[in-house]
Protein backbone atom coordinates (compact mmCIF):
# COMPACT_ATOMS: atom_id res chain seq x y z
CA MET A 1 -17.86 -30.15 15.23
CA GLY A 2 -18.87 -31.70 12.00
CA GLU A 3 -17.29 -34.62 10.20
CA ASN A 4 -16.03 -32.15 7.63
CA ASP A 5 -14.42 -29.66 10.00
CA VAL A 6 -10.58 -29.37 10.85
CA GLN A 7 -9.74 -28.03 14.32
CA TYR A 8 -6.49 -25.97 14.84
CA GLU A 9 -5.16 -24.85 18.26
CA SER A 10 -2.85 -22.03 18.73
CA HIS A 11 -2.07 -19.80 22.00
CA GLN A 12 -4.75 -21.70 23.90
CA THR A 13 -7.40 -20.97 21.32
CA LYS A 14 -9.39 -23.45 19.24
CA VAL A 15 -10.30 -22.64 15.53
CA VAL A 16 -12.64 -24.80 13.52
CA VAL A 17 -12.73 -24.43 9.71
CA ASP A 18 -14.67 -26.29 7.22
CA ARG A 19 -12.42 -28.53 5.10
CA ASP A 20 -13.81 -27.12 2.08
CA ALA A 21 -12.85 -23.64 2.96
CA LEU A 22 -9.26 -24.30 3.70
CA THR A 23 -7.97 -23.45 0.45
CA TYR A 24 -9.53 -19.89 0.67
CA LEU A 25 -7.88 -19.47 4.18
CA ASP A 26 -4.63 -20.82 3.31
CA GLY A 27 -1.97 -18.37 4.94
CA THR A 28 -4.45 -16.14 6.60
CA ARG A 29 -3.38 -14.71 10.06
CA VAL A 30 -5.84 -14.16 12.87
CA ASP A 31 -5.43 -11.65 15.57
CA PHE A 32 -7.58 -10.60 18.41
CA ARG A 33 -7.52 -6.83 18.86
CA LYS A 34 -8.82 -4.40 21.71
CA GLU A 35 -8.97 -0.93 21.14
CA GLY A 36 -10.72 1.35 23.75
CA LEU A 37 -14.21 -0.18 24.06
CA SER A 38 -13.83 -2.32 20.89
CA GLU A 39 -12.81 -5.92 20.91
CA SER A 40 -12.69 -7.99 17.50
CA PHE A 41 -10.75 -10.24 15.42
CA LYS A 42 -8.79 -9.09 12.58
CA PHE A 43 -8.48 -11.53 9.70
CA ASP A 44 -5.37 -10.92 7.36
CA ASN A 45 -5.96 -13.31 4.14
CA PRO A 46 -3.29 -13.15 1.41
CA ASN A 47 -5.56 -14.67 -0.98
CA VAL A 48 -8.23 -11.88 -0.89
CA SER A 49 -8.36 -9.89 -4.33
CA ALA A 50 -11.57 -7.72 -3.32
CA THR A 51 -13.57 -6.59 -0.23
CA CYS A 52 -16.89 -4.95 -0.01
CA GLY A 53 -17.31 -1.74 2.00
CA CYS A 54 -18.71 -3.47 5.21
CA GLY A 55 -15.79 -5.58 5.65
CA GLU A 56 -17.54 -8.91 5.99
CA SER A 57 -17.46 -10.10 2.38
CA PHE A 58 -14.57 -10.77 0.08
CA SER A 59 -13.46 -12.42 -3.06
CA VAL A 60 -10.17 -14.50 -3.52
CA ASN A 61 -7.60 -14.89 -6.17
CA LYS A 62 -8.42 -17.72 -8.54
CA SER A 63 -5.30 -19.48 -7.78
CA ALA A 64 -6.11 -19.85 -4.20
CA SER A 65 -9.40 -21.79 -5.18
CA THR A 66 -7.40 -24.35 -7.63
CA PRO A 67 -5.81 -27.11 -5.75
CA ALA A 68 -2.00 -27.20 -6.33
């Protein structure tokens, strides 16, 4: 863990996030899903305004990147 990282713990799981990314992730819910032989994390970020077809890249609403 780096000096600019923040650690959260919930349901016996630790998540480490870079402090600079917190504004982009505010309100994000993370869920672990197991469907058949597939297991993955599902991220539901209310700040997302657009995603790519691969599901790995996204854009956020401008208001999310501006500190309140």
